[in-house]
Amino acid sequence: MSCRGAPSTAGRGGTGHYGTPEGVAAMVAHLAGPEAAGVTGSVFTVDAGANA
């Protein structure tokens, strides 16, 4: 299943769907927590593998 007008992720290593606001919120919550205290200078792409 793909989003209307969006490029297909078939065969590109993606999960077959795009990221969601909930996925972004989960990443933000993780980075704001103590588990991510050592994470610095990083870029995180939350797109369910669409750009893999």
N, C-alpha and C. Protein backbone atom coordinates (compact mmCIF):
# COMPACT_ATOMS: atom_id res chain seq x y z
N MET A 1 0.85 -1.16 0.00
CA MET A 1 0.00 0.00 0.00
C MET A 1 0.90 1.23 0.00
N SER A 2 0.56 2.23 -0.81
CA SER A 2 1.34 3.45 -0.84
C SER A 2 0.41 4.65 -0.78
N CYS A 3 0.96 5.79 -0.44
CA CYS A 3 0.19 7.02 -0.40
C CYS A 3 -0.08 7.51 -1.81
N ARG A 4 -1.23 8.08 -2.04
CA ARG A 4 -1.57 8.60 -3.37
C ARG A 4 -0.56 9.66 -3.79
N GLY A 5 0.01 9.47 -4.98
CA GLY A 5 0.96 10.43 -5.51
C GLY A 5 2.37 10.27 -4.98
N ALA A 6 2.57 9.39 -4.01
CA ALA A 6 3.90 9.19 -3.44
C ALA A 6 4.61 8.07 -4.20
N PRO A 7 5.92 8.14 -4.31
CA PRO A 7 6.64 7.07 -5.00
C PRO A 7 6.53 5.74 -4.25
N SER A 8 6.54 4.67 -4.97
CA SER A 8 6.45 3.34 -4.38
C SER A 8 7.75 2.99 -3.68
N THR A 9 7.65 2.28 -2.57
CA THR A 9 8.84 1.82 -1.86
C THR A 9 9.13 0.35 -2.17
N ALA A 10 8.34 -0.25 -3.05
CA ALA A 10 8.52 -1.66 -3.38
C ALA A 10 9.93 -1.90 -3.90
N GLY A 11 10.60 -2.89 -3.33
CA GLY A 11 11.93 -3.27 -3.76
C GLY A 11 13.02 -2.33 -3.31
N ARG A 12 12.71 -1.37 -2.47
CA ARG A 12 13.71 -0.40 -2.02
C ARG A 12 14.14 -0.65 -0.58
N GLY A 13 13.68 -1.70 0.02
CA GLY A 13 14.07 -2.00 1.39
C GLY A 13 13.21 -1.33 2.43
N GLY A 14 12.18 -0.63 2.01
CA GLY A 14 11.28 0.04 2.94
C GLY A 14 10.27 -0.93 3.53
N THR A 15 9.42 -0.42 4.37
CA THR A 15 8.42 -1.25 5.02
C THR A 15 7.10 -1.26 4.25
N GLY A 16 7.03 -0.50 3.15
CA GLY A 16 5.81 -0.45 2.37
C GLY A 16 4.84 0.61 2.81
N HIS A 17 5.20 1.39 3.81
CA HIS A 17 4.37 2.51 4.24
C HIS A 17 5.27 3.66 4.66
N TYR A 18 4.70 4.80 4.86
CA TYR A 18 5.47 5.98 5.23
C TYR A 18 5.37 6.23 6.73
N GLY A 19 6.25 7.06 7.24
CA GLY A 19 6.25 7.38 8.65
C GLY A 19 4.97 8.10 9.05
N THR A 20 4.70 8.09 10.33
CA THR A 20 3.49 8.70 10.87
C THR A 20 3.87 9.75 11.91
N PRO A 21 2.96 10.65 12.22
CA PRO A 21 3.21 11.60 13.31
C PRO A 21 3.52 10.89 14.63
N GLU A 22 2.87 9.75 14.84
CA GLU A 22 3.13 8.98 16.07
C GLU A 22 4.55 8.45 16.10
N GLY A 23 5.07 8.06 14.95
CA GLY A 23 6.45 7.59 14.87
C GLY A 23 7.44 8.70 15.18
N VAL A 24 7.16 9.89 14.67
CA VAL A 24 8.02 11.04 14.97
C VAL A 24 7.94 11.37 16.45
N ALA A 25 6.74 11.34 17.01
CA ALA A 25 6.57 11.63 18.44
C ALA A 25 7.32 10.62 19.30
N ALA A 26 7.32 9.36 18.89
CA ALA A 26 8.04 8.33 19.64
C ALA A 26 9.54 8.59 19.62
N MET A 27 10.07 9.03 18.46
CA MET A 27 11.50 9.35 18.37
C MET A 27 11.84 10.54 19.25
N VAL A 28 11.00 11.57 19.21
CA VAL A 28 11.23 12.75 20.04
C VAL A 28 11.19 12.38 21.52
N ALA A 29 10.21 11.57 21.91
CA ALA A 29 10.11 11.15 23.31
C ALA A 29 11.35 10.37 23.73
N HIS A 30 11.83 9.50 22.87
CA HIS A 30 13.04 8.74 23.19
C HIS A 30 14.24 9.68 23.35
N LEU A 31 14.40 10.60 22.42
CA LEU A 31 15.55 11.51 22.47
C LEU A 31 15.49 12.46 23.66
N ALA A 32 14.29 12.74 24.15
CA ALA A 32 14.14 13.62 25.30
C ALA A 32 14.36 12.88 26.62
N GLY A 33 14.42 11.56 26.57
CA GLY A 33 14.57 10.77 27.79
C GLY A 33 16.01 10.51 28.17
N PRO A 34 16.21 9.96 29.33
CA PRO A 34 17.56 9.70 29.83
C PRO A 34 18.33 8.65 29.03
N GLU A 35 17.61 7.77 28.31
CA GLU A 35 18.30 6.73 27.52
C GLU A 35 19.14 7.33 26.40
N ALA A 36 18.79 8.53 25.97
CA ALA A 36 19.48 9.16 24.84
C ALA A 36 20.48 10.22 25.30
N ALA A 37 20.90 10.16 26.55
CA ALA A 37 21.80 11.18 27.08
C ALA A 37 23.11 11.26 26.31
N GLY A 38 23.56 10.16 25.73
CA GLY A 38 24.82 10.15 25.01
C GLY A 38 24.69 10.45 23.53
N VAL A 39 23.47 10.72 23.05
CA VAL A 39 23.26 10.99 21.63
C VAL A 39 23.50 12.47 21.36
N THR A 40 24.48 12.75 20.52
CA THR A 40 24.77 14.14 20.17
C THR A 40 25.09 14.25 18.68
N GLY A 41 24.75 15.36 18.08
CA GLY A 41 25.12 15.63 16.69
C GLY A 41 24.62 14.61 15.70
N SER A 42 23.42 14.13 15.86
CA SER A 42 22.89 13.09 14.98
C SER A 42 21.67 13.59 14.22
N VAL A 43 21.44 12.98 13.06
CA VAL A 43 20.25 13.25 12.26
C VAL A 43 19.47 11.95 12.18
N PHE A 44 18.18 12.00 12.49
CA PHE A 44 17.33 10.82 12.45
C PHE A 44 16.23 11.03 11.43
N THR A 45 16.13 10.12 10.47
CA THR A 45 15.08 10.16 9.48
C THR A 45 14.01 9.17 9.89
N VAL A 46 12.81 9.67 10.17
CA VAL A 46 11.71 8.82 10.62
C VAL A 46 10.74 8.70 9.45
N ASP A 47 10.98 7.71 8.57
CA ASP A 47 10.16 7.57 7.37
C ASP A 47 9.83 6.10 7.05
N ALA A 48 9.93 5.25 8.04
CA ALA A 48 9.61 3.82 7.89
C ALA A 48 10.42 3.15 6.79
N GLY A 49 11.60 3.66 6.53
CA GLY A 49 12.48 3.05 5.54
C GLY A 49 12.23 3.51 4.12
N ALA A 50 11.39 4.51 3.90
CA ALA A 50 11.05 4.96 2.56
C ALA A 50 12.28 5.47 1.79
N ASN A 51 13.27 5.97 2.48
CA ASN A 51 14.47 6.48 1.84
C ASN A 51 15.66 5.53 1.97
N ALA A 52 15.37 4.27 2.31
CA ALA A 52 16.43 3.29 2.49
C ALA A 52 17.08 2.94 1.16
